[in-house]
Structure formats: C-alpha cells, structure tokens
Amino acid sequence: ASIQSAFGTREKLLDGLIERWARYENERYQSALGADH
C-alpha cells in the first residue's frame, strides 16, 4: 500500500525508472557538452 501510495500506478513506477535514467544520462551529457552548446 505504501508503494502504491508513492507511485500510484505501475506505469508511473516504470516512468520513475525511466525518469531516473534520463536524469543520470543528462548529467553525463552535460559534462560531455561543456560550455559549447
């Protein structure tokens, strides 16, 4: 019940995994990008 409360639906749980991956990947991207956009 606590997990259901935290995420709402299984799809939101899956999206939470994807969102976390995107956040980590974006940190690596920003590091590789530097100041030149």
Full PDB file with SEQRES, HELIX, SHEET, SSBOND, CRYST1, ORIGX, SCALE, CONECT and MASTER records, all heavy atoms in Angstrom:
SEQRES   1 A   37  ALA SER ILE GLN SER ALA PHE GLY THR ARG GLU LYS LEU          
SEQRES   2 A   37  LEU ASP GLY LEU ILE GLU ARG TRP ALA ARG TYR GLU ASN          
SEQRES   3 A   37  GLU ARG TYR GLN SER ALA LEU GLY ALA ASP HIS                  
HELIX    1 AA1 SER A    2  PHE A    7  1                                   6    
HELIX    2 AA2 ARG A   10  LEU A   33  1                                  24    
CRYST1    1.000    1.000    1.000  90.00  90.00  90.00 P 1           1          
ORIGX1      1.000000  0.000000  0.000000        0.00000                         
ORIGX2      0.000000  1.000000  0.000000        0.00000                         
ORIGX3      0.000000  0.000000  1.000000        0.00000                         
SCALE1      1.000000  0.000000  0.000000        0.00000                         
SCALE2      0.000000  1.000000  0.000000        0.00000                         
SCALE3      0.000000  0.000000  1.000000        0.00000                         
ATOM      1  N   ALA A   1       0.827  -1.209   0.000  1.00  0.00           N  
ATOM      2  CA  ALA A   1       0.000   0.000   0.000  1.00  0.00           C  
ATOM      3  C   ALA A   1       0.864   1.262   0.000  1.00  0.00           C  
ATOM      4  O   ALA A   1       0.509   2.264  -0.626  1.00  0.00           O  
ATOM      5  CB  ALA A   1      -0.937  -0.001   1.200  1.00  0.00           C  
ATOM      6  N   SER A   2       2.005   1.204   0.670  1.00  0.00           N  
ATOM      7  CA  SER A   2       2.910   2.362   0.694  1.00  0.00           C  
ATOM      8  C   SER A   2       3.529   2.594  -0.684  1.00  0.00           C  
ATOM      9  O   SER A   2       3.710   3.741  -1.110  1.00  0.00           O  
ATOM     10  CB  SER A   2       4.013   2.158   1.728  1.00  0.00           C  
ATOM     11  OG  SER A   2       3.468   2.101   3.025  1.00  0.00           O  
ATOM     12  N   ILE A   3       3.847   1.503  -1.373  1.00  0.00           N  
ATOM     13  CA  ILE A   3       4.410   1.624  -2.723  1.00  0.00           C  
ATOM     14  C   ILE A   3       3.355   2.182  -3.670  1.00  0.00           C  
ATOM     15  O   ILE A   3       3.639   3.066  -4.481  1.00  0.00           O  
ATOM     16  CB  ILE A   3       4.957   0.265  -3.198  1.00  0.00           C  
ATOM     17  CG1 ILE A   3       6.143  -0.131  -2.319  1.00  0.00           C  
ATOM     18  CG2 ILE A   3       5.352   0.319  -4.668  1.00  0.00           C  
ATOM     19  CD1 ILE A   3       6.616  -1.545  -2.493  1.00  0.00           C  
ATOM     20  N   GLN A   4       2.128   1.689  -3.547  1.00  0.00           N  
ATOM     21  CA  GLN A   4       1.040   2.212  -4.372  1.00  0.00           C  
ATOM     22  C   GLN A   4       0.824   3.694  -4.096  1.00  0.00           C  
ATOM     23  O   GLN A   4       0.587   4.476  -5.017  1.00  0.00           O  
ATOM     24  CB  GLN A   4      -0.253   1.435  -4.115  1.00  0.00           C  
ATOM     25  CG  GLN A   4      -0.217   0.043  -4.697  1.00  0.00           C  
ATOM     26  CD  GLN A   4      -1.424  -0.786  -4.293  1.00  0.00           C  
ATOM     27  OE1 GLN A   4      -1.794  -0.829  -3.123  1.00  0.00           O  
ATOM     28  NE2 GLN A   4      -2.004  -1.469  -5.273  1.00  0.00           N  
ATOM     29  N   SER A   5       0.946   4.082  -2.849  1.00  0.00           N  
ATOM     30  CA  SER A   5       0.793   5.485  -2.486  1.00  0.00           C  
ATOM     31  C   SER A   5       1.908   6.340  -3.085  1.00  0.00           C  
ATOM     32  O   SER A   5       1.669   7.468  -3.523  1.00  0.00           O  
ATOM     33  CB  SER A   5       0.792   5.616  -0.962  1.00  0.00           C  
ATOM     34  OG  SER A   5       0.772   6.963  -0.581  1.00  0.00           O  
ATOM     35  N   ALA A   6       3.121   5.788  -3.123  1.00  0.00           N  
ATOM     36  CA  ALA A   6       4.275   6.537  -3.633  1.00  0.00           C  
ATOM     37  C   ALA A   6       4.224   6.726  -5.149  1.00  0.00           C  
ATOM     38  O   ALA A   6       4.662   7.760  -5.662  1.00  0.00           O  
ATOM     39  CB  ALA A   6       5.575   5.830  -3.244  1.00  0.00           C  
ATOM     40  N   PHE A   7       3.703   5.722  -5.870  1.00  0.00           N  
ATOM     41  CA  PHE A   7       3.751   5.775  -7.335  1.00  0.00           C  
ATOM     42  C   PHE A   7       2.384   5.873  -8.005  1.00  0.00           C  
ATOM     43  O   PHE A   7       2.294   6.335  -9.140  1.00  0.00           O  
ATOM     44  CB  PHE A   7       4.519   4.566  -7.883  1.00  0.00           C  
ATOM     45  CG  PHE A   7       5.974   4.586  -7.523  1.00  0.00           C  
ATOM     46  CD1 PHE A   7       6.461   3.808  -6.485  1.00  0.00           C  
ATOM     47  CD2 PHE A   7       6.856   5.406  -8.206  1.00  0.00           C  
ATOM     48  CE1 PHE A   7       7.807   3.839  -6.146  1.00  0.00           C  
ATOM     49  CE2 PHE A   7       8.202   5.445  -7.867  1.00  0.00           C  
ATOM     50  CZ  PHE A   7       8.675   4.654  -6.823  1.00  0.00           C  
ATOM     51  N   GLY A   8       1.357   5.406  -7.374  1.00  0.00           N  
ATOM     52  CA  GLY A   8       0.010   5.483  -7.957  1.00  0.00           C  
ATOM     53  C   GLY A   8      -0.315   4.325  -8.873  1.00  0.00           C  
ATOM     54  O   GLY A   8      -1.228   3.567  -8.616  1.00  0.00           O  
ATOM     55  N   THR A   9       0.455   4.185  -9.954  1.00  0.00           N  
ATOM     56  CA  THR A   9       0.208   3.106 -10.907  1.00  0.00           C  
ATOM     57  C   THR A   9       1.538   2.444 -11.272  1.00  0.00           C  
ATOM     58  O   THR A   9       2.615   3.027 -11.082  1.00  0.00           O  
ATOM     59  CB  THR A   9      -0.434   3.628 -12.213  1.00  0.00           C  
ATOM     60  OG1 THR A   9       0.506   4.475 -12.883  1.00  0.00           O  
ATOM     61  CG2 THR A   9      -1.737   4.374 -11.944  1.00  0.00           C  
ATOM     62  N   ARG A  10       1.444   1.260 -11.815  1.00  0.00           N  
ATOM     63  CA  ARG A  10       2.646   0.562 -12.273  1.00  0.00           C  
ATOM     64  C   ARG A  10       3.330   1.364 -13.378  1.00  0.00           C  
ATOM     65  O   ARG A  10       4.561   1.429 -13.447  1.00  0.00           O  
ATOM     66  CB  ARG A  10       2.282  -0.840 -12.789  1.00  0.00           C  
ATOM     67  CG  ARG A  10       3.486  -1.619 -13.279  1.00  0.00           C  
ATOM     68  CD  ARG A  10       3.090  -3.062 -13.628  1.00  0.00           C  
ATOM     69  NE  ARG A  10       4.249  -3.828 -14.037  1.00  0.00           N  
ATOM     70  CZ  ARG A  10       4.701  -3.902 -15.290  1.00  0.00           C  
ATOM     71  NH1 ARG A  10       4.073  -3.251 -16.259  1.00  0.00           N  
ATOM     72  NH2 ARG A  10       5.754  -4.619 -15.581  1.00  0.00           N  
ATOM     73  N   GLU A  11       2.552   1.985 -14.251  1.00  0.00           N  
ATOM     74  CA  GLU A  11       3.125   2.790 -15.329  1.00  0.00           C  
ATOM     75  C   GLU A  11       3.920   3.965 -14.775  1.00  0.00           C  
ATOM     76  O   GLU A  11       4.971   4.309 -15.306  1.00  0.00           O  
ATOM     77  CB  GLU A  11       2.024   3.272 -16.288  1.00  0.00           C  
ATOM     78  CG  GLU A  11       1.478   2.189 -17.195  1.00  0.00           C  
ATOM     79  CD  GLU A  11       0.586   1.174 -16.477  1.00  0.00           C  
ATOM     80  OE1 GLU A  11       0.001   1.503 -15.402  1.00  0.00           O  
ATOM     81  OE2 GLU A  11       0.480   0.045 -16.975  1.00  0.00           O  
ATOM     82  N   LYS A  12       3.426   4.565 -13.687  1.00  0.00           N  
ATOM     83  CA  LYS A  12       4.177   5.667 -13.070  1.00  0.00           C  
ATOM     84  C   LYS A  12       5.449   5.154 -12.398  1.00  0.00           C  
ATOM     85  O   LYS A  12       6.455   5.868 -12.364  1.00  0.00           O  
ATOM     86  CB  LYS A  12       3.298   6.432 -12.093  1.00  0.00           C  
ATOM     87  CG  LYS A  12       2.265   7.289 -12.806  1.00  0.00           C  
ATOM     88  CD  LYS A  12       1.446   8.105 -11.837  1.00  0.00           C  
ATOM     89  CE  LYS A  12       0.394   8.897 -12.608  1.00  0.00           C  
ATOM     90  NZ  LYS A  12      -0.495   9.616 -11.701  1.00  0.00           N  
ATOM     91  N   LEU A  13       5.414   3.950 -11.889  1.00  0.00           N  
ATOM     92  CA  LEU A  13       6.626   3.332 -11.347  1.00  0.00           C  
ATOM     93  C   LEU A  13       7.644   3.113 -12.461  1.00  0.00           C  
ATOM     94  O   LEU A  13       8.822   3.469 -12.330  1.00  0.00           O  
ATOM     95  CB  LEU A  13       6.288   1.999 -10.660  1.00  0.00           C  
ATOM     96  CG  LEU A  13       7.456   1.107 -10.255  1.00  0.00           C  
ATOM     97  CD1 LEU A  13       8.386   1.806  -9.272  1.00  0.00           C  
ATOM     98  CD2 LEU A  13       6.919  -0.194  -9.658  1.00  0.00           C  
ATOM     99  N   LEU A  14       7.195   2.552 -13.576  1.00  0.00           N  
ATOM    100  CA  LEU A  14       8.081   2.351 -14.727  1.00  0.00           C  
ATOM    101  C   LEU A  14       8.625   3.688 -15.228  1.00  0.00           C  
ATOM    102  O   LEU A  14       9.817   3.818 -15.525  1.00  0.00           O  
ATOM    103  CB  LEU A  14       7.346   1.621 -15.852  1.00  0.00           C  
ATOM    104  CG  LEU A  14       6.984   0.161 -15.581  1.00  0.00           C  
ATOM    105  CD1 LEU A  14       6.013  -0.358 -16.645  1.00  0.00           C  
ATOM    106  CD2 LEU A  14       8.220  -0.709 -15.499  1.00  0.00           C  
ATOM    107  N   ASP A  15       7.755   4.689 -15.300  1.00  0.00           N  
ATOM    108  CA  ASP A  15       8.201   6.008 -15.744  1.00  0.00           C  
ATOM    109  C   ASP A  15       9.194   6.603 -14.750  1.00  0.00           C  
ATOM    110  O   ASP A  15      10.110   7.331 -15.140  1.00  0.00           O  
ATOM    111  CB  ASP A  15       7.022   6.947 -15.974  1.00  0.00           C  
ATOM    112  CG  ASP A  15       7.387   8.122 -16.860  1.00  0.00           C  
ATOM    113  OD1 ASP A  15       8.076   7.913 -17.884  1.00  0.00           O  
ATOM    114  OD2 ASP A  15       6.991   9.251 -16.531  1.00  0.00           O  
ATOM    115  N   GLY A  16       9.042   6.286 -13.478  1.00  0.00           N  
ATOM    116  CA  GLY A  16      10.008   6.733 -12.476  1.00  0.00           C  
ATOM    117  C   GLY A  16      11.394   6.169 -12.753  1.00  0.00           C  
ATOM    118  O   GLY A  16      12.406   6.864 -12.596  1.00  0.00           O  
ATOM    119  N   LEU A  17      11.444   4.904 -13.177  1.00  0.00           N  
ATOM    120  CA  LEU A  17      12.731   4.306 -13.558  1.00  0.00           C  
ATOM    121  C   LEU A  17      13.324   5.010 -14.769  1.00  0.00           C  
ATOM    122  O   LEU A  17      14.522   5.298 -14.821  1.00  0.00           O  
ATOM    123  CB  LEU A  17      12.549   2.814 -13.872  1.00  0.00           C  
ATOM    124  CG  LEU A  17      12.346   1.891 -12.694  1.00  0.00           C  
ATOM    125  CD1 LEU A  17      11.952   0.496 -13.180  1.00  0.00           C  
ATOM    126  CD2 LEU A  17      13.589   1.827 -11.823  1.00  0.00           C  
ATOM    127  N   ILE A  18      12.475   5.301 -15.737  1.00  0.00           N  
ATOM    128  CA  ILE A  18      12.940   5.973 -16.954  1.00  0.00           C  
ATOM    129  C   ILE A  18      13.390   7.397 -16.632  1.00  0.00           C  
ATOM    130  O   ILE A  18      14.432   7.850 -17.109  1.00  0.00           O  
ATOM    131  CB  ILE A  18      11.839   5.951 -18.034  1.00  0.00           C  
ATOM    132  CG1 ILE A  18      11.589   4.500 -18.477  1.00  0.00           C  
ATOM    133  CG2 ILE A  18      12.209   6.836 -19.219  1.00  0.00           C  
ATOM    134  CD1 ILE A  18      10.319   4.307 -19.267  1.00  0.00           C  
ATOM    135  N   GLU A  19      12.618   8.093 -15.818  1.00  0.00           N  
ATOM    136  CA  GLU A  19      12.967   9.458 -15.425  1.00  0.00           C  
ATOM    137  C   GLU A  19      14.320   9.487 -14.711  1.00  0.00           C  
ATOM    138  O   GLU A  19      15.147  10.362 -14.961  1.00  0.00           O  
ATOM    139  CB  GLU A  19      11.882  10.024 -14.517  1.00  0.00           C  
ATOM    140  CG  GLU A  19      12.129  11.442 -14.078  1.00  0.00           C  
ATOM    141  CD  GLU A  19      11.019  11.946 -13.161  1.00  0.00           C  
ATOM    142  OE1 GLU A  19       9.980  11.274 -13.006  1.00  0.00           O  
ATOM    143  OE2 GLU A  19      11.205  13.024 -12.588  1.00  0.00           O  
ATOM    144  N   ARG A  20      14.561   8.513 -13.849  1.00  0.00           N  
ATOM    145  CA  ARG A  20      15.841   8.458 -13.137  1.00  0.00           C  
ATOM    146  C   ARG A  20      16.978   8.196 -14.121  1.00  0.00           C  
ATOM    147  O   ARG A  20      18.027   8.833 -14.054  1.00  0.00           O  
ATOM    148  CB  ARG A  20      15.804   7.397 -12.043  1.00  0.00           C  
ATOM    149  CG  ARG A  20      17.100   7.361 -11.255  1.00  0.00           C  
ATOM    150  CD  ARG A  20      16.947   6.656  -9.963  1.00  0.00           C  
ATOM    151  NE  ARG A  20      17.042   5.227 -10.132  1.00  0.00           N  
ATOM    152  CZ  ARG A  20      17.321   4.414  -9.127  1.00  0.00           C  
ATOM    153  NH1 ARG A  20      17.506   4.883  -7.912  1.00  0.00           N  
ATOM    154  NH2 ARG A  20      17.389   3.130  -9.340  1.00  0.00           N  
ATOM    155  N   TRP A  21      16.782   7.256 -15.064  1.00  0.00           N  
ATOM    156  CA  TRP A  21      17.806   7.008 -16.079  1.00  0.00           C  
ATOM    157  C   TRP A  21      18.102   8.300 -16.847  1.00  0.00           C  
ATOM    158  O   TRP A  21      19.262   8.644 -17.074  1.00  0.00           O  
ATOM    159  CB  TRP A  21      17.364   5.905 -17.048  1.00  0.00           C  
ATOM    160  CG  TRP A  21      18.250   5.842 -18.249  1.00  0.00           C  
ATOM    161  CD1 TRP A  21      19.424   5.154 -18.361  1.00  0.00           C  
ATOM    162  CD2 TRP A  21      18.088   6.552 -19.479  1.00  0.00           C  
ATOM    163  NE1 TRP A  21      19.985   5.385 -19.597  1.00  0.00           N  
ATOM    164  CE2 TRP A  21      19.186   6.246 -20.302  1.00  0.00           C  
ATOM    165  CE3 TRP A  21      17.118   7.428 -19.971  1.00  0.00           C  
ATOM    166  CZ2 TRP A  21      19.338   6.772 -21.578  1.00  0.00           C  
ATOM    167  CZ3 TRP A  21      17.272   7.945 -21.236  1.00  0.00           C  
ATOM    168  CH2 TRP A  21      18.372   7.608 -22.033  1.00  0.00           C  
ATOM    169  N   ALA A  22      17.041   9.018 -17.243  1.00  0.00           N  
ATOM    170  CA  ALA A  22      17.208  10.243 -18.022  1.00  0.00           C  
ATOM    171  C   ALA A  22      17.984  11.294 -17.228  1.00  0.00           C  
ATOM    172  O   ALA A  22      18.819  12.007 -17.787  1.00  0.00           O  
ATOM    173  CB  ALA A  22      15.844  10.791 -18.452  1.00  0.00           C  
ATOM    174  N   ARG A  23      17.733  11.369 -15.936  1.00  0.00           N  
ATOM    175  CA  ARG A  23      18.435  12.334 -15.081  1.00  0.00           C  
ATOM    176  C   ARG A  23      19.933  12.013 -15.033  1.00  0.00           C  
ATOM    177  O   ARG A  23      20.769  12.895 -15.230  1.00  0.00           O  
ATOM    178  CB  ARG A  23      17.813  12.309 -13.680  1.00  0.00           C  
ATOM    179  CG  ARG A  23      18.278  13.404 -12.768  1.00  0.00           C  
ATOM    180  CD  ARG A  23      17.487  13.459 -11.464  1.00  0.00           C  
ATOM    181  NE  ARG A  23      17.503  12.203 -10.741  1.00  0.00           N  
ATOM    182  CZ  ARG A  23      16.431  11.476 -10.459  1.00  0.00           C  
ATOM    183  NH1 ARG A  23      15.243  11.858 -10.856  1.00  0.00           N  
ATOM    184  NH2 ARG A  23      16.528  10.349  -9.780  1.00  0.00           N  
ATOM    185  N   TYR A  24      20.273  10.750 -14.812  1.00  0.00           N  
ATOM    186  CA  TYR A  24      21.684  10.345 -14.771  1.00  0.00           C  
ATOM    187  C   TYR A  24      22.345  10.535 -16.131  1.00  0.00           C  
ATOM    188  O   TYR A  24      23.468  11.018 -16.220  1.00  0.00           O  
ATOM    189  CB  TYR A  24      21.826   8.891 -14.336  1.00  0.00           C  
ATOM    190  CG  TYR A  24      21.463   8.626 -12.902  1.00  0.00           C  
ATOM    191  CD1 TYR A  24      20.904   7.411 -12.537  1.00  0.00           C  
ATOM    192  CD2 TYR A  24      21.668   9.569 -11.899  1.00  0.00           C  
ATOM    193  CE1 TYR A  24      20.564   7.140 -11.210  1.00  0.00           C  
ATOM    194  CE2 TYR A  24      21.324   9.316 -10.589  1.00  0.00           C  
ATOM    195  CZ  TYR A  24      20.773   8.105 -10.244  1.00  0.00           C  
ATOM    196  OH  TYR A  24      20.442   7.834  -8.950  1.00  0.00           O  
ATOM    197  N   GLU A  25      21.647  10.157 -17.173  1.00  0.00           N  
ATOM    198  CA  GLU A  25      22.210  10.288 -18.513  1.00  0.00           C  
ATOM    199  C   GLU A  25      22.418  11.757 -18.847  1.00  0.00           C  
ATOM    200  O   GLU A  25      23.417  12.117 -19.465  1.00  0.00           O  
ATOM    201  CB  GLU A  25      21.289   9.606 -19.542  1.00  0.00           C  
ATOM    202  CG  GLU A  25      21.949   9.344 -20.880  1.00  0.00           C  
ATOM    203  CD  GLU A  25      22.088  10.564 -21.764  1.00  0.00           C  
ATOM    204  OE1 GLU A  25      21.321  11.530 -21.588  1.00  0.00           O  
ATOM    205  OE2 GLU A  25      22.973  10.557 -22.640  1.00  0.00           O  
ATOM    206  N   ASN A  26      21.491  12.613 -18.432  1.00  0.00           N  
ATOM    207  CA  ASN A  26      21.620  14.036 -18.714  1.00  0.00           C  
ATOM    208  C   ASN A  26      22.817  14.642 -17.975  1.00  0.00           C  
ATOM    209  O   ASN A  26      23.471  15.545 -18.503  1.00  0.00           O  
ATOM    210  CB  ASN A  26      20.336  14.790 -18.365  1.00  0.00           C  
ATOM    211  CG  ASN A  26      20.314  16.163 -18.984  1.00  0.00           C  
ATOM    212  OD1 ASN A  26      20.590  16.318 -20.173  1.00  0.00           O  
ATOM    213  ND2 ASN A  26      20.024  17.171 -18.184  1.00  0.00           N  
ATOM    214  N   GLU A  27      23.123  14.151 -16.789  1.00  0.00           N  
ATOM    215  CA  GLU A  27      24.315  14.618 -16.073  1.00  0.00           C  
ATOM    216  C   GLU A  27      25.571  14.290 -16.874  1.00  0.00           C  
ATOM    217  O   GLU A  27      26.466  15.130 -17.014  1.00  0.00           O  
ATOM    218  CB  GLU A  27      24.391  13.989 -14.685  1.00  0.00           C  
ATOM    219  CG  GLU A  27      23.356  14.520 -13.720  1.00  0.00           C  
ATOM    220  CD  GLU A  27      23.291  13.725 -12.426  1.00  0.00           C  
ATOM    221  OE1 GLU A  27      24.155  12.847 -12.193  1.00  0.00           O  
ATOM    222  OE2 GLU A  27      22.362  13.985 -11.633  1.00  0.00           O  
ATOM    223  N   ARG A  28      25.631  13.084 -17.408  1.00  0.00           N  
ATOM    224  CA  ARG A  28      26.789  12.690 -18.233  1.00  0.00           C  
ATOM    225  C   ARG A  28      26.839  13.546 -19.503  1.00  0.00           C  
ATOM    226  O   ARG A  28      27.912  13.973 -19.933  1.00  0.00           O  
ATOM    227  CB  ARG A  28      26.708  11.209 -18.604  1.00  0.00           C  
ATOM    228  CG  ARG A  28      26.855  10.282 -17.438  1.00  0.00           C  
ATOM    229  CD  ARG A  28      26.825   8.844 -17.860  1.00  0.00           C  
ATOM    230  NE  ARG A  28      26.234   8.739 -19.194  1.00  0.00           N  
ATOM    231  CZ  ARG A  28      25.820   7.645 -19.752  1.00  0.00           C  
ATOM    232  NH1 ARG A  28      25.924   6.523 -19.152  1.00  0.00           N  
ATOM    233  NH2 ARG A  28      25.286   7.642 -20.954  1.00  0.00           N  
ATOM    234  N   TYR A  29      25.679  13.780 -20.099  1.00  0.00           N  
ATOM    235  CA  TYR A  29      25.595  14.590 -21.318  1.00  0.00           C  
ATOM    236  C   TYR A  29      26.083  16.013 -21.064  1.00  0.00           C  
ATOM    237  O   TYR A  29      26.871  16.551 -21.840  1.00  0.00           O  
ATOM    238  CB  TYR A  29      24.149  14.583 -21.825  1.00  0.00           C  
ATOM    239  CG  TYR A  29      23.869  15.514 -22.967  1.00  0.00           C  
ATOM    240  CD1 TYR A  29      24.300  15.224 -24.257  1.00  0.00           C  
ATOM    241  CD2 TYR A  29      23.153  16.692 -22.763  1.00  0.00           C  
ATOM    242  CE1 TYR A  29      24.021  16.076 -25.315  1.00  0.00           C  
ATOM    243  CE2 TYR A  29      22.872  17.552 -23.816  1.00  0.00           C  
ATOM    244  CZ  TYR A  29      23.314  17.232 -25.089  1.00  0.00           C  
ATOM    245  OH  TYR A  29      23.046  18.077 -26.123  1.00  0.00           O  
ATOM    246  N   GLN A  30      25.603  16.627 -19.989  1.00  0.00           N  
ATOM    247  CA  GLN A  30      26.009  17.995 -19.674  1.00  0.00           C  
ATOM    248  C   GLN A  30      27.517  18.081 -19.438  1.00  0.00           C  
ATOM    249  O   GLN A  30      28.165  19.041 -19.848  1.00  0.00           O  
ATOM    250  CB  GLN A  30      25.250  18.530 -18.449  1.00  0.00           C  
ATOM    251  CG  GLN A  30      23.767  18.754 -18.691  1.00  0.00           C  
ATOM    252  CD  GLN A  30      23.486  19.759 -19.792  1.00  0.00           C  
ATOM    253  OE1 GLN A  30      24.197  20.741 -19.968  1.00  0.00           O  
ATOM    254  NE2 GLN A  30      22.423  19.516 -20.552  1.00  0.00           N  
ATOM    255  N   SER A  31      28.078  17.059 -18.824  1.00  0.00           N  
ATOM    256  CA  SER A  31      29.528  17.012 -18.611  1.00  0.00           C  
ATOM    257  C   SER A  31      30.267  16.929 -19.941  1.00  0.00           C  
ATOM    258  O   SER A  31      31.271  17.618 -20.149  1.00  0.00           O  
ATOM    259  CB  SER A  31      29.871  15.811 -17.723  1.00  0.00           C  
ATOM    260  OG  SER A  31      31.251  15.701 -17.558  1.00  0.00           O  
ATOM    261  N   ALA A  32      29.780  16.097 -20.847  1.00  0.00           N  
ATOM    262  CA  ALA A  32      30.405  15.963 -22.166  1.00  0.00           C  
ATOM    263  C   ALA A  32      30.195  17.224 -23.006  1.00  0.00           C  
ATOM    264  O   ALA A  32      31.061  17.595 -23.798  1.00  0.00           O  
ATOM    265  CB  ALA A  32      29.844  14.745 -22.906  1.00  0.00           C  
ATOM    266  N   LEU A  33      29.073  17.890 -22.809  1.00  0.00           N  
ATOM    267  CA  LEU A  33      28.730  19.078 -23.594  1.00  0.00           C  
ATOM    268  C   LEU A  33      29.602  20.275 -23.228  1.00  0.00           C  
ATOM    269  O   LEU A  33      30.078  20.991 -24.109  1.00  0.00           O  
ATOM    270  CB  LEU A  33      27.246  19.417 -23.394  1.00  0.00           C  
ATOM    271  CG  LEU A  33      26.668  20.586 -24.168  1.00  0.00           C  
ATOM    272  CD1 LEU A  33      26.775  20.353 -25.666  1.00  0.00           C  
ATOM    273  CD2 LEU A  33      25.214  20.800 -23.762  1.00  0.00           C  
ATOM    274  N   GLY A  34      29.808  20.479 -21.950  1.00  0.00           N  
ATOM    275  CA  GLY A  34      30.588  21.638 -21.527  1.00  0.00           C  
ATOM    276  C   GLY A  34      29.879  22.940 -21.846  1.00  0.00           C  
ATOM    277  O   GLY A  34      28.652  23.005 -21.861  1.00  0.00           O  
ATOM    278  N   ALA A  35      30.666  23.968 -22.139  1.00  0.00           N  
ATOM    279  CA  ALA A  35      30.113  25.304 -22.358  1.00  0.00           C  
ATOM    280  C   ALA A  35      29.665  25.547 -23.798  1.00  0.00           C  
ATOM    281  O   ALA A  35      28.900  26.461 -24.066  1.00  0.00           O  
ATOM    282  CB  ALA A  35      31.153  26.360 -21.971  1.00  0.00           C  
ATOM    283  N   ASP A  36      30.128  24.722 -24.727  1.00  0.00           N  
ATOM    284  CA  ASP A  36      29.803  24.895 -26.148  1.00  0.00           C  
ATOM    285  C   ASP A  36      28.492  24.168 -26.463  1.00  0.00           C  
ATOM    286  O   ASP A  36      28.454  22.952 -26.549  1.00  0.00           O  
ATOM    287  CB  ASP A  36      30.943  24.338 -27.011  1.00  0.00           C  
ATOM    288  CG  ASP A  36      30.670  24.452 -28.508  1.00  0.00           C  
ATOM    289  OD1 ASP A  36      29.615  24.988 -28.910  1.00  0.00           O  
ATOM    290  OD2 ASP A  36      31.523  23.978 -29.282  1.00  0.00           O  
ATOM    291  N   HIS A  37      27.422  24.934 -26.642  1.00  0.00           N  
ATOM    292  CA  HIS A  37      26.098  24.355 -26.895  1.00  0.00           C  
ATOM    293  C   HIS A  37      25.714  24.412 -28.372  1.00  0.00           C  
ATOM    294  O   HIS A  37      24.535  24.371 -28.711  1.00  0.00           O  
ATOM    295  CB  HIS A  37      25.041  25.064 -26.048  1.00  0.00           C  
ATOM    296  CG  HIS A  37      25.146  24.742 -24.596  1.00  0.00           C  
ATOM    297  ND1 HIS A  37      24.084  24.353 -23.841  1.00  0.00           N  
ATOM    298  CD2 HIS A  37      26.204  24.725 -23.758  1.00  0.00           C  
ATOM    299  CE1 HIS A  37      24.474  24.120 -22.607  1.00  0.00           C  
ATOM    300  NE2 HIS A  37      25.764  24.346 -22.533  1.00  0.00           N  
TER     301      HIS A  37                                                      
MASTER        0    0    0    2    0    0    0    6  300    1    0    3          
END                                                                             
